[in-house]
Amino acid sequence: MDLYARLNILGGHSVRLPRGDLATAIRLDNDPISRAKSWAAQGADVIHVVDLDAAAHRDYRNRAMIDQLIKEVELPVQVAGGVRSPREATRLIEAGADRVVMGTAAIENQNMVWELCRDLPAKIVVSIDVRPDDEIAIRGWAVNSGRYMEEVLLEMSDAGVSAFLIAEAGRNALLEPPNVGILARALTAVDDDVIAAGGVRHIDDLQDVMGTTADGKRVKGVIVGREVTHGRFTLDEAQAVLATGPPVRDAAAQEAAEEPDPAIVESAQRYQMLANELERAAAQARNSAQRMLDGEVARGQAHGLSTVGHIRRSQQLMDEIAIDAATQRTT
């Protein structure tokens, strides 16, 4: 798993956003390039630069500095913030950026994402801020998009997006644990790289993210920043954890732990499978409706047929749950 070091730039300065908004920005230093070099020296694998002026105000005053940063830092540099057009994405890649990250623009203009993935293969990353119900928030968490994580992941994956940054909208990364369930659902939906972008509070959270799996897939990266500058841990400590791998529980402790009733476990698994199938059916139905409204009738009908399959599987699971319940009442 790669360690991405976040570098927020606002008005030419490196800043920390303790509450995730510009009004609370705390200036760290006046030399973002030196800070990026420091991240590299401390052991980061990738520098994740966020141009806050471009993202919030469409002000591209920091771009010349970012171009210089890309040239001077001997690590891959991923640039986010204000990437709203093919022209700007192409310009950043030509300047040497390893990849560019799109957020709201990708959700609102999917055709542009398809074109960019065609013209800049393996260079486009989509950032998704997810509500607890899996609805995607856009425009700095200010607006609910009406679209949900799975459907967007599937569409963007089809377009050729190289990776997804997954974060929980509204979460305070210094106080609240990461929602590994969201990461697991993202891993289930696509085979592309999933990167935990919401931060971790401490080393234990980092281990939890590392240990998150779904369908044999793991999270491919984690973005850190505030946790390190706040003194929660160092990049050296984080890299030591990544080198060790996910924690392995003590075998004796596992054997001593009370095992749950296998029948209850099986029932719980069916309920979880039912929830997953219903969520997929809803996502496909919404996707079908939107495709048809956009004039893509054939693709809309294809998604509609997928909805039918998920509903049929849901009914099968409900029948199995009913049989389980009847059996448990008679024993």
Protein backbone atom coordinates (compact mmCIF):
# COMPACT_ATOMS: atom_id res chain seq x y z
CA MET A 1 0.00 0.00 0.00
CA ASP A 2 1.37 3.43 -0.97
CA LEU A 3 1.62 6.36 1.42
CA TYR A 4 0.37 9.61 -0.13
CA ALA A 5 1.45 12.82 1.65
CA ARG A 6 -1.12 15.60 1.31
CA LEU A 7 0.10 19.13 0.59
CA ASN A 8 -2.61 21.81 0.74
CA ILE A 9 -1.71 25.10 -0.96
CA LEU A 10 -3.66 28.29 -0.29
CA GLY A 11 -2.45 31.72 -1.39
CA GLY A 12 1.03 30.35 -2.04
CA HIS A 13 1.34 28.89 1.47
CA SER A 14 1.16 25.38 2.90
CA VAL A 15 -1.89 25.12 5.14
CA ARG A 16 -3.74 22.68 7.36
CA LEU A 17 -7.54 22.55 7.37
CA PRO A 18 -8.52 21.36 10.87
CA ARG A 19 -12.23 21.35 10.02
CA GLY A 20 -12.02 20.76 6.30
CA ASP A 21 -12.95 24.31 5.22
CA LEU A 22 -10.92 27.33 4.14
CA ALA A 23 -12.22 29.55 6.94
CA THR A 24 -10.30 27.45 9.47
CA ALA A 25 -7.06 27.19 7.46
CA ILE A 26 -3.88 27.28 9.55
CA ARG A 27 -0.72 28.45 7.77
CA LEU A 28 2.16 26.00 8.13
CA ASP A 29 4.89 27.67 6.06
CA ASN A 30 5.58 29.91 3.08
CA ASP A 31 7.42 27.32 0.99
CA PRO A 32 5.25 24.43 -0.26
CA ILE A 33 8.08 23.15 -2.47
CA SER A 34 10.35 22.68 0.54
CA ARG A 35 7.50 21.00 2.40
CA ALA A 36 7.01 18.60 -0.51
CA LYS A 37 10.72 17.80 -0.47
CA SER A 38 10.46 17.22 3.28
CA TRP A 39 7.58 14.78 2.73
CA ALA A 40 9.76 12.95 0.21
CA ALA A 41 12.70 12.82 2.62
CA GLN A 42 10.46 11.47 5.38
CA GLY A 43 9.38 8.50 3.29
CA ALA A 44 6.25 9.40 1.31
CA ASP A 45 5.62 7.38 -1.84
CA VAL A 46 3.53 10.01 -3.63
CA ILE A 47 2.95 13.75 -3.09
CA HIS A 48 -0.76 14.61 -3.25
CA VAL A 49 -1.04 18.36 -3.96
CA VAL A 50 -4.37 20.11 -3.42
CA ASP A 51 -4.67 23.59 -4.96
CA LEU A 52 -7.31 25.11 -2.67
CA ASP A 53 -7.49 28.44 -4.50
CA ALA A 54 -8.26 26.70 -7.78
CA ALA A 55 -10.73 24.35 -6.14
CA ALA A 56 -12.70 26.96 -4.19
CA HIS A 57 -12.31 30.16 -6.21
CA ARG A 58 -11.18 29.11 -9.70
CA ASP A 59 -8.03 31.10 -8.96
CA TYR A 60 -4.98 29.49 -10.57
CA ARG A 61 -2.31 31.65 -8.96
CA ASN A 62 -0.59 28.57 -7.48
CA ARG A 63 -0.17 26.67 -10.74
CA ALA A 64 3.29 28.06 -11.61
CA MET A 65 4.51 27.01 -8.16
CA ILE A 66 2.96 23.56 -8.58
CA ASP A 67 4.66 23.17 -11.97
CA GLN A 68 7.99 23.98 -10.32
CA LEU A 69 7.24 21.58 -7.46
CA ILE A 70 6.63 18.77 -9.94
CA LYS A 71 10.04 19.42 -11.52
CA GLU A 72 11.98 19.62 -8.26
CA VAL A 73 10.46 16.80 -6.20
CA GLU A 74 11.81 13.36 -7.05
CA LEU A 75 8.53 11.56 -6.39
CA PRO A 76 5.32 11.10 -8.37
CA VAL A 77 3.11 14.16 -7.85
CA GLN A 78 -0.68 13.85 -8.02
CA VAL A 79 -2.51 17.17 -8.46
CA ALA A 80 -6.04 17.92 -7.28
CA GLY A 81 -8.08 21.09 -7.13
CA GLY A 82 -9.59 23.03 -10.03
CA VAL A 83 -9.15 20.34 -12.69
CA ARG A 84 -12.34 21.15 -14.56
CA SER A 85 -11.39 20.96 -18.23
CA PRO A 86 -9.47 18.76 -20.67
CA ARG A 87 -7.14 21.69 -21.31
CA GLU A 88 -6.13 22.01 -17.64
CA ALA A 89 -5.79 18.25 -17.14
CA THR A 90 -3.60 17.97 -20.23
CA ARG A 91 -1.50 20.96 -19.21
CA LEU A 92 -0.75 19.44 -15.79
CA ILE A 93 0.21 16.07 -17.26
CA GLU A 94 2.46 17.78 -19.81
CA ALA A 95 4.04 19.71 -16.91
CA GLY A 96 5.02 16.36 -15.40
CA ALA A 97 2.19 15.52 -13.00
CA ASP A 98 1.92 11.77 -12.52
CA ARG A 99 -1.90 11.92 -12.34
CA VAL A 100 -4.63 14.53 -12.00
CA VAL A 101 -7.63 14.27 -9.70
CA MET A 102 -11.15 15.36 -10.60
CA GLY A 103 -13.99 15.70 -8.11
CA THR A 104 -17.21 17.61 -8.73
CA ALA A 105 -16.38 18.12 -12.41
CA ALA A 106 -16.23 14.35 -12.94
CA ILE A 107 -19.62 13.79 -11.31
CA GLU A 108 -21.28 16.60 -13.26
CA ASN A 109 -19.65 15.97 -16.65
CA GLN A 110 -19.10 12.27 -17.23
CA ASN A 111 -18.58 12.69 -20.97
CA MET A 112 -15.49 14.77 -20.24
CA VAL A 113 -14.12 11.97 -18.08
CA TRP A 114 -14.56 9.47 -20.92
CA GLU A 115 -12.70 11.79 -23.30
CA LEU A 116 -9.88 12.44 -20.82
CA CYS A 117 -9.39 8.75 -20.08
CA ARG A 118 -9.17 8.14 -23.82
CA ASP A 119 -6.66 10.95 -24.39
CA LEU A 120 -4.71 10.56 -21.12
CA PRO A 121 -4.80 6.83 -20.28
CA ALA A 122 -3.88 5.89 -16.68
CA LYS A 123 -3.68 9.57 -15.72
CA ILE A 124 -7.17 10.37 -14.45
CA VAL A 125 -8.22 9.84 -10.83
CA VAL A 126 -11.71 10.58 -9.50
CA SER A 127 -12.26 11.78 -5.95
CA ILE A 128 -15.55 10.78 -4.31
CA ASP A 129 -16.86 12.22 -1.03
CA VAL A 130 -19.45 9.81 0.35
CA ARG A 131 -22.29 10.36 2.82
CA PRO A 132 -23.15 7.59 5.33
CA ASP A 133 -25.95 6.43 2.99
CA ASP A 134 -23.46 6.28 0.08
CA GLU A 135 -24.83 9.41 -1.63
CA ILE A 136 -22.03 11.49 -3.12
CA ALA A 137 -21.49 15.06 -1.89
CA ILE A 138 -20.04 17.64 -4.28
CA ARG A 139 -18.80 21.25 -4.24
CA GLY A 140 -16.87 20.92 -1.03
CA TRP A 141 -19.56 18.82 0.71
CA ALA A 142 -22.05 21.68 0.26
CA VAL A 143 -24.41 19.87 -2.14
CA ASN A 144 -25.80 16.33 -2.36
CA SER A 145 -25.44 15.11 -5.93
CA GLY A 146 -28.41 12.71 -5.96
CA ARG A 147 -25.99 10.03 -7.17
CA TYR A 148 -24.60 7.10 -5.22
CA MET A 149 -21.16 5.61 -4.87
CA GLU A 150 -21.58 2.27 -6.58
CA GLU A 151 -23.21 3.58 -9.74
CA VAL A 152 -20.59 6.31 -10.13
CA LEU A 153 -17.74 3.89 -9.49
CA LEU A 154 -19.07 1.53 -12.15
CA GLU A 155 -19.51 4.31 -14.71
CA MET A 156 -16.12 5.87 -14.07
CA SER A 157 -14.44 2.47 -14.15
CA ASP A 158 -16.02 1.81 -17.54
CA ALA A 159 -14.62 5.16 -18.68
CA GLY A 160 -11.10 4.06 -17.81
CA VAL A 161 -10.39 5.95 -14.59
CA SER A 162 -7.13 4.69 -13.07
CA ALA A 163 -7.99 5.11 -9.36
CA PHE A 164 -10.60 6.39 -6.93
CA LEU A 165 -10.03 8.53 -3.85
CA ILE A 166 -12.71 7.63 -1.31
CA ALA A 167 -13.47 9.93 1.63
CA GLU A 168 -16.41 10.36 4.01
CA ALA A 169 -18.09 13.74 3.60
CA GLY A 170 -18.25 15.69 6.85
CA ARG A 171 -15.90 13.47 8.83
CA ASN A 172 -13.35 15.01 11.18
CA ALA A 173 -10.26 12.91 10.52
CA LEU A 174 -8.61 13.84 13.81
CA LEU A 175 -11.58 12.78 15.94
CA GLU A 176 -13.56 10.11 14.08
CA PRO A 177 -12.41 6.68 12.87
CA PRO A 178 -12.35 5.93 9.13
CA ASN A 179 -15.42 4.21 7.78
CA VAL A 180 -13.81 1.04 6.44
CA GLY A 181 -17.25 -0.20 5.35
CA ILE A 182 -17.32 2.45 2.62
CA LEU A 183 -13.85 1.37 1.47
CA ALA A 184 -14.94 -2.28 1.42
CA ARG A 185 -18.01 -1.45 -0.68
CA ALA A 186 -15.83 0.47 -3.12
CA LEU A 187 -13.47 -2.50 -3.41
CA THR A 188 -16.45 -4.75 -4.10
CA ALA A 189 -17.75 -2.48 -6.87
CA VAL A 190 -14.60 -2.08 -9.00
CA ASP A 191 -11.21 -3.62 -9.69
CA ASP A 192 -9.47 -0.25 -10.04
CA ASP A 193 -7.23 1.13 -7.30
CA VAL A 194 -9.09 2.40 -4.24
CA ILE A 195 -7.24 4.98 -2.13
CA ALA A 196 -8.39 6.02 1.35
CA ALA A 197 -8.47 9.81 1.13
CA GLY A 198 -10.17 10.77 4.38
CA GLY A 199 -7.15 10.41 6.62
CA VAL A 200 -6.57 8.33 9.74
CA ARG A 201 -6.30 9.38 13.39
CA HIS A 202 -3.42 7.16 14.43
CA ILE A 203 -1.47 4.00 13.63
CA ASP A 204 -4.33 1.72 14.71
CA ASP A 205 -6.61 3.36 12.13
CA LEU A 206 -3.91 2.90 9.50
CA GLN A 207 -3.80 -0.81 10.35
CA ASP A 208 -7.60 -1.00 10.07
CA VAL A 209 -7.47 0.54 6.60
CA MET A 210 -4.67 -1.85 5.61
CA GLY A 211 -6.71 -4.81 6.80
CA THR A 212 -9.81 -3.84 4.82
CA THR A 213 -10.49 -6.45 2.13
CA ALA A 214 -13.31 -7.33 -0.25
CA ASP A 215 -13.36 -10.04 -2.89
CA GLY A 216 -9.64 -10.60 -2.33
CA LYS A 217 -8.80 -6.93 -2.99
CA ARG A 218 -7.16 -4.42 -0.65
CA VAL A 219 -6.92 -0.66 -0.42
CA LYS A 220 -3.98 0.46 -2.58
CA GLY A 221 -3.09 3.69 -0.80
CA VAL A 222 -3.85 6.08 2.03
CA ILE A 223 -3.51 9.88 2.06
CA VAL A 224 -2.15 11.43 5.25
CA GLY A 225 -1.37 14.99 6.23
CA ARG A 226 -3.01 16.56 9.27
CA GLU A 227 -2.32 13.45 11.34
CA VAL A 228 1.41 13.84 10.75
CA THR A 229 1.65 17.62 11.10
CA HIS A 230 -0.51 17.33 14.23
CA GLY A 231 2.05 14.95 15.73
CA ARG A 232 -0.09 11.82 15.85
CA PHE A 233 2.61 9.73 14.11
CA THR A 234 5.51 10.13 11.68
CA LEU A 235 5.84 8.97 8.10
CA ASP A 236 8.65 6.66 9.21
CA GLU A 237 6.27 5.01 11.69
CA ALA A 238 3.57 4.75 9.02
CA GLN A 239 5.98 3.18 6.53
CA ALA A 240 7.10 0.68 9.19
CA VAL A 241 3.47 -0.38 9.62
CA LEU A 242 2.96 -0.65 5.85
CA ALA A 243 6.10 -2.79 5.55
CA THR A 244 4.84 -5.13 8.29
CA GLY A 245 1.47 -5.61 6.66
CA PRO A 246 -2.00 -5.93 8.23
CA PRO A 247 -2.00 -6.98 11.89
CA VAL A 248 -2.36 -10.69 12.65
CA ARG A 249 -4.40 -11.57 15.71
CA ASP A 250 -2.87 -13.77 18.37
CA ALA A 251 -3.96 -17.37 17.68
CA ALA A 252 -4.35 -18.25 21.36
CA ALA A 253 -6.53 -15.20 21.93
CA GLN A 254 -8.67 -16.11 18.96
CA GLU A 255 -9.18 -19.65 20.25
CA ALA A 256 -10.08 -18.31 23.70
CA ALA A 257 -12.65 -15.91 22.28
CA GLU A 258 -16.25 -17.06 22.43
CA GLU A 259 -17.43 -18.30 19.06
CA PRO A 260 -20.85 -17.02 17.96
CA ASP A 261 -23.61 -19.47 17.08
CA PRO A 262 -22.92 -20.60 13.47
CA ALA A 263 -26.63 -20.41 12.64
CA ILE A 264 -26.77 -16.77 13.78
CA VAL A 265 -23.63 -15.97 11.80
CA GLU A 266 -25.16 -17.54 8.68
CA SER A 267 -28.38 -15.57 9.11
CA ALA A 268 -26.46 -12.33 9.61
CA GLN A 269 -24.46 -13.01 6.47
CA ARG A 270 -27.67 -13.50 4.48
CA TYR A 271 -29.06 -10.21 5.77
CA GLN A 272 -25.84 -8.46 4.75
CA MET A 273 -25.97 -10.09 1.32
CA LEU A 274 -29.60 -8.97 1.01
CA ALA A 275 -28.65 -5.38 1.89
CA ASN A 276 -25.87 -5.45 -0.71
CA GLU A 277 -28.15 -6.80 -3.43
CA LEU A 278 -30.86 -4.21 -2.70
CA GLU A 279 -28.28 -1.40 -2.76
CA ARG A 280 -27.01 -2.64 -6.11
CA ALA A 281 -30.55 -2.88 -7.48
CA ALA A 282 -31.26 0.71 -6.42
CA ALA A 283 -27.99 1.95 -7.93
CA GLN A 284 -28.69 0.19 -11.24
CA ALA A 285 -32.29 1.52 -11.32
CA ARG A 286 -31.11 5.10 -10.77
CA ASN A 287 -28.45 4.61 -13.42
CA SER A 288 -31.01 3.23 -15.85
CA ALA A 289 -33.33 6.20 -15.35
CA GLN A 290 -30.53 8.73 -15.82
CA ARG A 291 -29.21 7.00 -18.94
CA MET A 292 -32.65 7.08 -20.53
CA LEU A 293 -33.15 10.74 -19.66
CA ASP A 294 -29.77 11.43 -21.26
CA GLY A 295 -30.93 9.74 -24.46
CA GLU A 296 -28.83 6.60 -23.98
CA VAL A 297 -31.82 4.27 -24.17
CA ALA A 298 -29.89 1.06 -24.93
CA ARG A 299 -27.50 1.52 -22.03
CA GLY A 300 -30.41 2.47 -19.80
CA GLN A 301 -32.24 -0.74 -20.68
CA ALA A 302 -29.07 -2.76 -20.03
CA HIS A 303 -28.81 -1.28 -16.54
CA GLY A 304 -32.50 -1.97 -16.07
CA LEU A 305 -31.98 -5.66 -16.80
CA SER A 306 -29.20 -5.70 -14.23
CA THR A 307 -31.71 -4.33 -11.73
CA VAL A 308 -33.99 -7.30 -12.37
CA GLY A 309 -31.16 -9.72 -11.64
CA HIS A 310 -30.37 -8.07 -8.30
CA ILE A 311 -34.06 -8.06 -7.32
CA ARG A 312 -34.42 -11.77 -8.13
CA ARG A 313 -31.35 -12.58 -6.05
CA SER A 314 -32.80 -10.44 -3.24
CA GLN A 315 -36.02 -12.45 -3.32
CA GLN A 316 -34.06 -15.71 -3.12
CA LEU A 317 -32.20 -14.41 -0.08
CA MET A 318 -35.49 -13.31 1.55
CA ASP A 319 -36.89 -16.81 1.02
CA GLU A 320 -33.77 -18.32 2.63
CA ILE A 321 -34.06 -15.90 5.56
CA ALA A 322 -37.71 -16.86 6.07
CA ILE A 323 -36.80 -20.57 6.10
CA ASP A 324 -34.02 -19.88 8.61
CA ALA A 325 -36.42 -17.98 10.87
CA ALA A 326 -39.03 -20.78 10.72
CA THR A 327 -36.37 -23.38 11.49
CA GLN A 328 -35.06 -21.41 14.48
CA ARG A 329 -38.57 -21.07 15.94
CA THR A 330 -39.09 -24.84 15.85
CA THR A 331 -35.75 -25.74 17.48
